[in-house]
Structure formats: C-alpha cells, structure tokens
Amino acid sequence: MTATPFTFGLNSFGEVATDADRVLDDAETARLLVEEARHAESVGLDVFSIGEHYRPGHVDTAAPVLLAAIATATERIRLGTSVTVLSTNDPVRLYHDFSTLDAVSNGRAQLVVGRASATDSFPLFGYDMSDYEELFEEKLELLMRLQREDSVTWSGAFRAPLSEQRLRPRMRPGGIPTWIGVGGSPNSVLRAARYGLPLMLAIIGGRPERFARHVDLYQRALQQAGHGPQPIGQHSLGFVADTDEEAAETWWTYWKPVVTSLAQERGFYPPTWDVYRDEIDHGALYVGSPDTVARKIATAARDLSLSRFDLKYDIMHLPREARARSIELLGREVAPRVRELLTKESRHV
C-alpha cells in the first residue's frame, strides 16, 4: 500500500515572513529559506522544495539558485521544486540548471514540473496562453529525452532544433527524479503515466479523497503503458503548532487575507470561519497539533496510495518563529507518528 519509509517534504513559495511584527525584505526572506532548509534537515525531513511565482511577496523566481545555496548549507536533504512551470521554461536551460544542482549537491536534485495554475509567467516570458497545452507537451517530451538519451536530435514548434546535442554537465544515467504535478486534470494524470513518471497531486482545497479516481486512473494507465508502479505524492497547505487551537487561530490570521485576495482574483469561495474549519476538519488544510496532522496525513496516504507528503508551510507574513516551530514539529513528531500509523496498518492488511 505505502512505500517504507514514507517521505516527508517541505514546500515553499518564497512568501515573505515577519519578524517581531516587521515584514522581512526580499533578500532577508531568501536567506531565511536557506536557514529553514537547514532546519528541515536537522529535524529529519527528507525533501525541501521551492516553487516558481512572479508576484509581489514571493521570492521563488529563481529556484535553482536558491537550491544551490541550500546545497552548500546542507548534506543530506533532497532538493527540488514545488512546481517548475515547464511551459514557460526552456528545457535545455532547465537541464543545465538541474544537472549542475545535482552535481554540486552530490545527487540530491529533483523536479516537479507542471503547466501552472498561476499564469503570470506567460506574459512575462512572451508566451501565448492559447498554446498552454501544446507548450507543456512539447517541452516535457524534450526534457525527458534530454534526461534519458545520451545525445538528442529534435525539432519542435517553440524553440530552436537540436542536432546530436549532448549537454554538460551530464545528469546521472536516466536523469533526476522528475514528478508531474497534477491539480485535477485527468489528461495530466495520463501524461504522467505515459512517460512512466511519478505523480504529485496538488490538493489545495476540497476533500482529498476525491483524488482517488485520479490515482486509480494513473495506476491503470501505467500498467497499460508497460511501466511499473511509480510513487504518488501529495502537496497541500498546512501548519503544525503545539495545540489544535493555536494552529487554527494562527493560520487563520494569515490564511484569511491571502484567500480573500485569491477569491477576488479567481472567484474562489469567501474565507469564512465555517468554511475554514471545514477545510481543516474534512478538507485539504493540514492544520493542527502533531497528532491531528499525523492522523490526517495517514488517512490521505491510505486513501490515495501515497508514499510522499509535502507540506506547503509558508504563507504571506507568517512569523518566522511560527514557521520554525511548524518545521520542528513536522520533522520530530508528525513524520514519526505517520510512519508508525502506516506500519501498524500494513501489518493488518
């Protein structure tokens, strides 16, 4: 049912923190991410990942640079992306960035690639939203060929062709772990299965168990494509504190203004306390004490056949001490408790 040991990661979108009621500037926040990755390693977490956004209050516009800085400050923790917007990246440049990161980190680099829910990068880099699907399909095909083949001859619609191109530094044979991020599209699930790539479910609202149909589709499609079983992960928002009450009240303070802004921008539900509580109790917010969060993750792992869970731990202006405490509790209390629960369940299967 679930791989052992279960993998735990932290996801950051580079959202600026506060310290003693002072909002950190962008440079301070970038340095804080390096500090938090070091902290994550010290408490036993497995992966630290950084997103890709181009809007005020986020400093995750150059994930490979931040991850390289983190590589020099850590020894064990794996380094990846919460999502890389492959549609607006050049696969050749991306290969170079992550083959270099993999080299300097001694084999710790990985990727989650997706089509993007926030589309700020399209106008910024001169891409047309009408090419949304075609861009991702073409660039994923090229990226995987670059990773899996020694030299590549290729042509497409959106970049210059390649002729017997061998990139350097070389990645390890077969490339680095590359997950497909899926927010709900069955076509994205099928695409991941076609390439034999791991699946990362971005579950940021609603009941997580509704993604069980995607998992079933993915596993059947993998088999039909002749691929063996692949890992399945979940990315969700959350916050761990010493008590359920402290966690709920703290996260509400910083979650409410973010969701209010998103509701105006995208037509999401209004951030009422009742909706918020329902998301904590039954939905995709992993907010609570270590025991509460651990039980909820273990339930999702069982329902969705997960072998990895990534907590998106930062949110705009959340105090740095609260961020640090959440990381501490996730690594030292939540992760061991989830693994214990899953081990007990597997013995009774």
Protein backbone atom coordinates (compact mmCIF):
# COMPACT_ATOMS: atom_id res chain seq x y z
CA MET A 1 0.00 0.00 0.00
CA THR A 2 2.61 2.53 1.05
CA ALA A 3 6.36 2.56 0.49
CA THR A 4 8.57 2.43 3.56
CA PRO A 5 9.87 4.76 4.77
CA PHE A 6 7.24 7.34 3.95
CA THR A 7 8.85 10.50 2.57
CA PHE A 8 8.18 13.95 4.05
CA GLY A 9 8.93 17.22 2.33
CA LEU A 10 8.52 20.94 2.84
CA ASN A 11 7.31 23.20 0.04
CA SER A 12 7.94 26.94 0.00
CA PHE A 13 6.60 29.54 -2.41
CA GLY A 14 9.10 32.05 -1.04
CA GLU A 15 6.41 34.06 0.72
CA VAL A 16 7.82 36.87 2.84
CA ALA A 17 7.82 36.35 6.61
CA THR A 18 7.61 38.72 9.54
CA ASP A 19 9.95 39.00 12.49
CA ALA A 20 8.84 40.90 15.60
CA ASP A 21 5.99 42.45 13.53
CA ARG A 22 8.45 43.65 10.87
CA VAL A 23 7.99 42.37 7.33
CA LEU A 24 11.24 40.91 6.07
CA ASP A 25 12.53 42.27 2.79
CA ASP A 26 13.08 40.02 -0.20
CA ALA A 27 16.76 39.39 0.48
CA GLU A 28 16.09 38.51 4.13
CA THR A 29 13.37 36.09 3.05
CA ALA A 30 15.68 34.40 0.54
CA ARG A 31 18.26 33.89 3.29
CA LEU A 32 15.52 32.63 5.61
CA LEU A 33 14.73 29.85 3.13
CA VAL A 34 18.33 28.63 3.35
CA GLU A 35 18.06 28.68 7.14
CA GLU A 36 14.74 26.81 7.08
CA ALA A 37 16.09 24.14 4.74
CA ARG A 38 18.98 23.59 7.13
CA HIS A 39 16.45 23.34 9.97
CA ALA A 40 14.35 20.87 7.98
CA GLU A 41 17.38 18.63 7.52
CA SER A 42 18.24 18.80 11.22
CA VAL A 43 14.78 17.55 12.25
CA GLY A 44 14.86 14.64 9.83
CA LEU A 45 12.73 15.81 6.90
CA ASP A 46 13.54 14.31 3.53
CA VAL A 47 12.95 16.96 0.85
CA PHE A 48 12.99 20.76 0.64
CA SER A 49 11.31 22.25 -2.43
CA ILE A 50 10.82 25.75 -3.81
CA GLY A 51 8.08 26.92 -6.17
CA GLU A 52 8.02 29.36 -9.08
CA HIS A 53 5.89 32.50 -8.88
CA TYR A 54 6.13 36.02 -10.27
CA ARG A 55 4.08 38.23 -7.99
CA PRO A 56 4.63 40.59 -5.05
CA GLY A 57 5.55 38.98 -1.77
CA HIS A 58 7.19 35.90 -3.33
CA VAL A 59 10.92 35.38 -3.79
CA ASP A 60 10.85 31.99 -5.57
CA THR A 61 11.52 33.28 -9.09
CA ALA A 62 14.92 31.54 -9.34
CA ALA A 63 14.54 28.19 -7.60
CA PRO A 64 17.76 26.63 -8.96
CA VAL A 65 19.82 29.48 -7.47
CA LEU A 66 18.17 29.16 -4.06
CA LEU A 67 18.52 25.39 -4.15
CA ALA A 68 22.21 25.67 -4.99
CA ALA A 69 22.67 27.93 -1.97
CA ILE A 70 20.82 25.38 0.16
CA ALA A 71 23.02 22.60 -1.24
CA THR A 72 26.10 24.28 0.21
CA ALA A 73 24.40 24.63 3.63
CA THR A 74 23.12 21.02 3.89
CA GLU A 75 24.40 17.49 3.42
CA ARG A 76 21.51 15.03 3.19
CA ILE A 77 18.15 16.61 2.42
CA ARG A 78 16.94 16.25 -1.16
CA LEU A 79 16.42 19.47 -3.12
CA GLY A 80 13.63 20.07 -5.58
CA THR A 81 10.84 22.27 -6.84
CA SER A 82 7.28 22.53 -5.57
CA VAL A 83 6.46 23.17 -9.19
CA THR A 84 8.51 24.29 -12.15
CA VAL A 85 6.36 25.94 -14.82
CA LEU A 86 7.74 23.87 -17.65
CA SER A 87 5.53 25.56 -20.25
CA THR A 88 7.48 28.81 -19.93
CA ASN A 89 10.92 27.34 -19.26
CA ASP A 90 13.47 26.25 -21.83
CA PRO A 91 14.11 22.50 -21.31
CA VAL A 92 17.77 22.92 -22.31
CA ARG A 93 18.32 25.66 -19.73
CA LEU A 94 16.36 23.65 -17.15
CA TYR A 95 18.52 20.61 -17.82
CA HIS A 96 21.70 22.65 -17.32
CA ASP A 97 20.38 24.23 -14.10
CA PHE A 98 19.40 20.92 -12.53
CA SER A 99 22.29 18.81 -13.81
CA THR A 100 24.56 21.41 -12.17
CA LEU A 101 22.48 21.41 -8.98
CA ASP A 102 22.63 17.61 -8.92
CA ALA A 103 26.41 17.74 -9.33
CA VAL A 104 27.08 20.28 -6.57
CA SER A 105 24.60 18.62 -4.18
CA ASN A 106 26.05 15.14 -4.76
CA GLY A 107 22.95 13.67 -6.36
CA ARG A 108 20.17 15.32 -4.34
CA ALA A 109 18.31 17.22 -7.09
CA GLN A 110 14.77 16.51 -8.26
CA LEU A 111 11.91 18.27 -10.05
CA VAL A 112 8.15 18.63 -10.01
CA VAL A 113 7.01 20.05 -13.36
CA GLY A 114 3.56 21.39 -14.16
CA ARG A 115 1.51 23.53 -16.54
CA ALA A 116 0.88 26.28 -13.94
CA SER A 117 -2.30 27.36 -12.18
CA ALA A 118 -0.93 30.90 -11.79
CA THR A 119 -0.13 32.08 -15.31
CA ASP A 120 1.99 35.19 -14.57
CA SER A 121 4.99 33.65 -16.33
CA PHE A 122 3.27 33.51 -19.72
CA PRO A 123 3.21 37.26 -20.47
CA LEU A 124 6.47 37.79 -18.56
CA PHE A 125 8.40 35.47 -20.89
CA GLY A 126 6.41 36.21 -24.03
CA TYR A 127 4.31 33.06 -24.34
CA ASP A 128 0.73 32.88 -25.59
CA MET A 129 -1.87 31.30 -23.29
CA SER A 130 -3.56 29.82 -26.36
CA ASP A 131 -0.53 27.48 -26.59
CA TYR A 132 -0.97 26.32 -22.98
CA GLU A 133 -1.36 22.58 -23.71
CA GLU A 134 0.99 22.39 -26.68
CA LEU A 135 3.81 24.16 -24.83
CA PHE A 136 3.77 21.72 -21.94
CA GLU A 137 3.51 18.63 -24.10
CA GLU A 138 6.39 19.63 -26.36
CA LYS A 139 8.68 20.78 -23.56
CA LEU A 140 8.06 17.70 -21.42
CA GLU A 141 8.92 15.47 -24.37
CA LEU A 142 12.18 17.35 -24.92
CA LEU A 143 13.10 17.48 -21.23
CA MET A 144 12.66 13.74 -20.82
CA ARG A 145 14.61 12.97 -23.98
CA LEU A 146 17.46 15.16 -22.74
CA GLN A 147 17.45 13.26 -19.45
CA ARG A 148 17.08 9.77 -20.88
CA GLU A 149 19.21 9.90 -24.05
CA ASP A 150 22.93 10.45 -24.39
CA SER A 151 22.58 12.82 -27.37
CA VAL A 152 19.43 14.35 -28.79
CA THR A 153 18.31 15.34 -32.25
CA TRP A 154 14.98 17.11 -32.03
CA SER A 155 12.75 19.77 -33.56
CA GLY A 156 9.53 21.39 -32.40
CA ALA A 157 7.33 24.45 -32.67
CA PHE A 158 8.54 26.58 -29.76
CA ARG A 159 12.35 26.55 -29.73
CA ALA A 160 15.35 26.06 -32.00
CA PRO A 161 16.03 22.47 -33.13
CA LEU A 162 18.82 20.33 -31.71
CA SER A 163 21.22 18.18 -33.68
CA GLU A 164 23.09 15.41 -31.85
CA GLN A 165 23.25 17.64 -28.81
CA ARG A 166 24.94 16.32 -25.66
CA LEU A 167 24.53 18.65 -22.70
CA ARG A 168 27.00 19.18 -19.85
CA PRO A 169 27.35 18.65 -17.02
CA ARG A 170 25.70 15.31 -17.61
CA MET A 171 22.97 14.15 -15.28
CA ARG A 172 23.19 10.75 -13.68
CA PRO A 173 22.06 7.94 -16.05
CA GLY A 174 18.31 8.18 -16.65
CA GLY A 175 18.11 11.72 -15.28
CA ILE A 176 16.93 13.05 -11.94
CA PRO A 177 13.58 12.19 -10.29
CA THR A 178 11.00 14.20 -12.24
CA TRP A 179 7.43 14.27 -10.96
CA ILE A 180 4.37 15.52 -12.84
CA GLY A 181 2.34 17.97 -10.77
CA VAL A 182 -1.42 17.49 -11.21
CA GLY A 183 -4.12 19.83 -9.96
CA GLY A 184 -7.10 17.82 -11.13
CA SER A 185 -6.79 17.22 -14.89
CA PRO A 186 -7.20 13.57 -15.96
CA ASN A 187 -5.13 14.36 -19.06
CA SER A 188 -2.22 15.32 -16.83
CA VAL A 189 -2.58 12.03 -14.98
CA LEU A 190 -2.49 10.11 -18.25
CA ARG A 191 0.53 12.10 -19.42
CA ALA A 192 2.47 11.18 -16.28
CA ALA A 193 1.60 7.52 -16.80
CA ARG A 194 2.60 7.63 -20.47
CA TYR A 195 6.10 8.81 -19.54
CA GLY A 196 6.32 6.50 -16.53
CA LEU A 197 6.86 9.46 -14.19
CA PRO A 198 5.86 9.83 -10.53
CA LEU A 199 2.63 11.71 -9.79
CA MET A 200 2.40 14.70 -7.43
CA LEU A 201 -1.19 15.58 -6.52
CA ALA A 202 -1.59 19.29 -5.73
CA ILE A 203 -4.57 19.16 -3.35
CA ILE A 204 -5.22 22.68 -2.10
CA GLY A 205 -8.97 22.59 -1.50
CA GLY A 206 -11.89 20.22 -1.06
CA ARG A 207 -11.86 16.60 0.09
CA PRO A 208 -8.55 14.85 -0.64
CA GLU A 209 -10.30 11.51 -1.15
CA ARG A 210 -11.87 12.79 -4.38
CA PHE A 211 -8.43 12.30 -5.97
CA ALA A 212 -8.75 8.53 -5.50
CA ARG A 213 -10.23 8.34 -9.02
CA HIS A 214 -7.10 10.02 -10.38
CA VAL A 215 -4.92 7.51 -8.55
CA ASP A 216 -6.89 4.61 -9.97
CA LEU A 217 -6.67 6.09 -13.48
CA TYR A 218 -2.92 6.62 -13.09
CA GLN A 219 -2.23 3.10 -11.89
CA ARG A 220 -4.28 1.53 -14.71
CA ALA A 221 -2.63 3.78 -17.30
CA LEU A 222 0.85 2.91 -16.04
CA GLN A 223 0.10 -0.77 -16.44
CA GLN A 224 -1.35 -0.30 -19.91
CA ALA A 225 1.74 1.68 -20.95
CA GLY A 226 4.01 -1.11 -19.75
CA HIS A 227 5.51 0.82 -16.83
CA GLY A 228 5.99 -0.49 -13.33
CA PRO A 229 4.46 1.14 -10.22
CA GLN A 230 5.55 4.74 -9.60
CA PRO A 231 5.49 6.86 -6.43
CA ILE A 232 2.49 9.07 -5.70
CA GLY A 233 2.84 12.21 -3.59
CA GLN A 234 0.55 14.90 -2.22
CA HIS A 235 1.22 18.63 -1.91
CA SER A 236 -1.07 20.50 0.49
CA LEU A 237 -1.07 23.59 2.66
CA GLY A 238 -0.78 23.37 6.42
CA PHE A 239 0.66 24.45 9.72
CA VAL A 240 1.62 22.49 12.84
CA ALA A 241 1.52 24.01 16.34
CA ASP A 242 1.52 22.60 19.84
CA THR A 243 -2.29 22.54 20.09
CA ASP A 244 -5.16 22.40 17.61
CA GLU A 245 -6.47 25.73 18.88
CA GLU A 246 -3.15 27.54 18.47
CA ALA A 247 -2.67 26.11 14.99
CA ALA A 248 -6.17 27.04 13.80
CA GLU A 249 -6.08 30.58 15.19
CA THR A 250 -2.57 31.34 13.94
CA TRP A 251 -3.11 30.02 10.41
CA TRP A 252 -6.49 31.78 10.11
CA THR A 253 -4.82 35.13 10.83
CA TYR A 254 -2.56 34.79 7.78
CA TRP A 255 -4.63 32.48 5.56
CA LYS A 256 -7.72 34.71 5.54
CA PRO A 257 -6.17 37.75 3.77
CA VAL A 258 -4.45 35.52 1.19
CA VAL A 259 -7.66 33.68 0.33
CA THR A 260 -9.64 36.93 0.32
CA SER A 261 -7.30 38.24 -2.35
CA LEU A 262 -7.49 34.99 -4.34
CA ALA A 263 -11.27 34.96 -4.06
CA GLN A 264 -11.43 38.38 -5.70
CA GLU A 265 -8.92 37.37 -8.38
CA ARG A 266 -10.17 33.87 -9.26
CA GLY A 267 -13.70 33.60 -7.87
CA PHE A 268 -12.88 31.23 -5.01
CA TYR A 269 -15.19 30.75 -2.04
CA PRO A 270 -15.22 33.55 0.56
CA PRO A 271 -12.91 32.83 3.50
CA THR A 272 -15.46 32.41 6.29
CA TRP A 273 -14.52 30.78 9.58
CA ASP A 274 -17.01 27.95 8.95
CA VAL A 275 -15.51 27.17 5.53
CA TYR A 276 -12.05 27.33 7.05
CA ARG A 277 -12.96 24.93 9.86
CA ASP A 278 -14.49 22.52 7.35
CA GLU A 279 -11.25 22.57 5.33
CA ILE A 280 -9.32 21.72 8.50
CA ASP A 281 -11.73 19.02 9.66
CA HIS A 282 -12.53 17.38 6.33
CA GLY A 283 -10.66 19.15 3.53
CA ALA A 284 -7.16 19.83 2.32
CA LEU A 285 -5.82 22.10 5.08
CA TYR A 286 -3.41 20.15 7.29
CA VAL A 287 -3.62 22.47 10.30
CA GLY A 288 -3.44 21.29 13.89
CA SER A 289 -1.41 19.64 16.62
CA PRO A 290 1.14 16.98 15.66
CA ASP A 291 -1.27 14.12 16.41
CA THR A 292 -4.13 15.71 14.46
CA VAL A 293 -1.99 16.42 11.40
CA ALA A 294 -0.34 12.99 11.56
CA ARG A 295 -3.67 11.17 11.60
CA LYS A 296 -4.96 13.24 8.71
CA ILE A 297 -1.84 12.56 6.61
CA ALA A 298 -2.03 8.85 7.39
CA THR A 299 -5.66 8.79 6.22
CA ALA A 300 -4.71 10.50 2.94
CA ALA A 301 -1.80 8.08 2.49
CA ARG A 302 -4.18 5.14 2.81
CA ASP A 303 -6.89 6.62 0.57
CA LEU A 304 -4.52 7.77 -2.19
CA SER A 305 -1.74 5.15 -2.02
CA LEU A 306 0.78 7.86 -1.15
CA SER A 307 4.46 7.34 -0.48
CA ARG A 308 5.24 11.05 -0.07
CA PHE A 309 3.61 14.08 1.55
CA ASP A 310 4.85 17.66 1.07
CA LEU A 311 3.57 20.39 3.37
CA LYS A 312 3.41 23.90 1.90
CA TYR A 313 4.36 25.57 5.16
CA ASP A 314 4.82 29.27 4.36
CA ILE A 315 2.08 31.82 3.85
CA MET A 316 2.32 35.58 3.49
CA HIS A 317 3.62 37.31 6.65
CA LEU A 318 3.53 34.21 8.88
CA PRO A 319 6.07 34.97 11.67
CA ARG A 320 9.41 33.27 11.26
CA GLU A 321 9.19 31.74 14.76
CA ALA A 322 5.86 30.12 13.86
CA ARG A 323 7.37 28.78 10.63
CA ALA A 324 10.32 27.36 12.57
CA ARG A 325 8.08 25.68 15.16
CA SER A 326 5.94 24.11 12.42
CA ILE A 327 9.04 22.68 10.74
CA GLU A 328 10.28 21.35 14.08
CA LEU A 329 7.01 19.60 14.90
CA LEU A 330 6.58 18.18 11.40
CA GLY A 331 10.00 16.56 11.47
CA ARG A 332 10.27 15.45 15.09
CA GLU A 333 6.66 14.48 15.85
CA VAL A 334 4.40 14.29 12.80
CA ALA A 335 6.66 12.27 10.49
CA PRO A 336 7.47 9.53 13.03
CA ARG A 337 3.80 9.30 14.03
CA VAL A 338 2.63 8.91 10.41
CA ARG A 339 5.19 6.19 9.76
CA GLU A 340 4.09 4.41 12.93
CA LEU A 341 0.43 4.55 11.91
CA LEU A 342 1.15 3.30 8.39
CA THR A 343 3.32 0.47 9.69
CA LYS A 344 0.53 -0.66 12.02
CA GLU A 345 -1.99 -0.56 9.17
CA SER A 346 0.25 -2.52 6.81
CA ARG A 347 0.61 -5.30 9.39
CA HIS A 348 -3.15 -5.74 9.44
CA VAL A 349 -3.63 -5.81 5.66
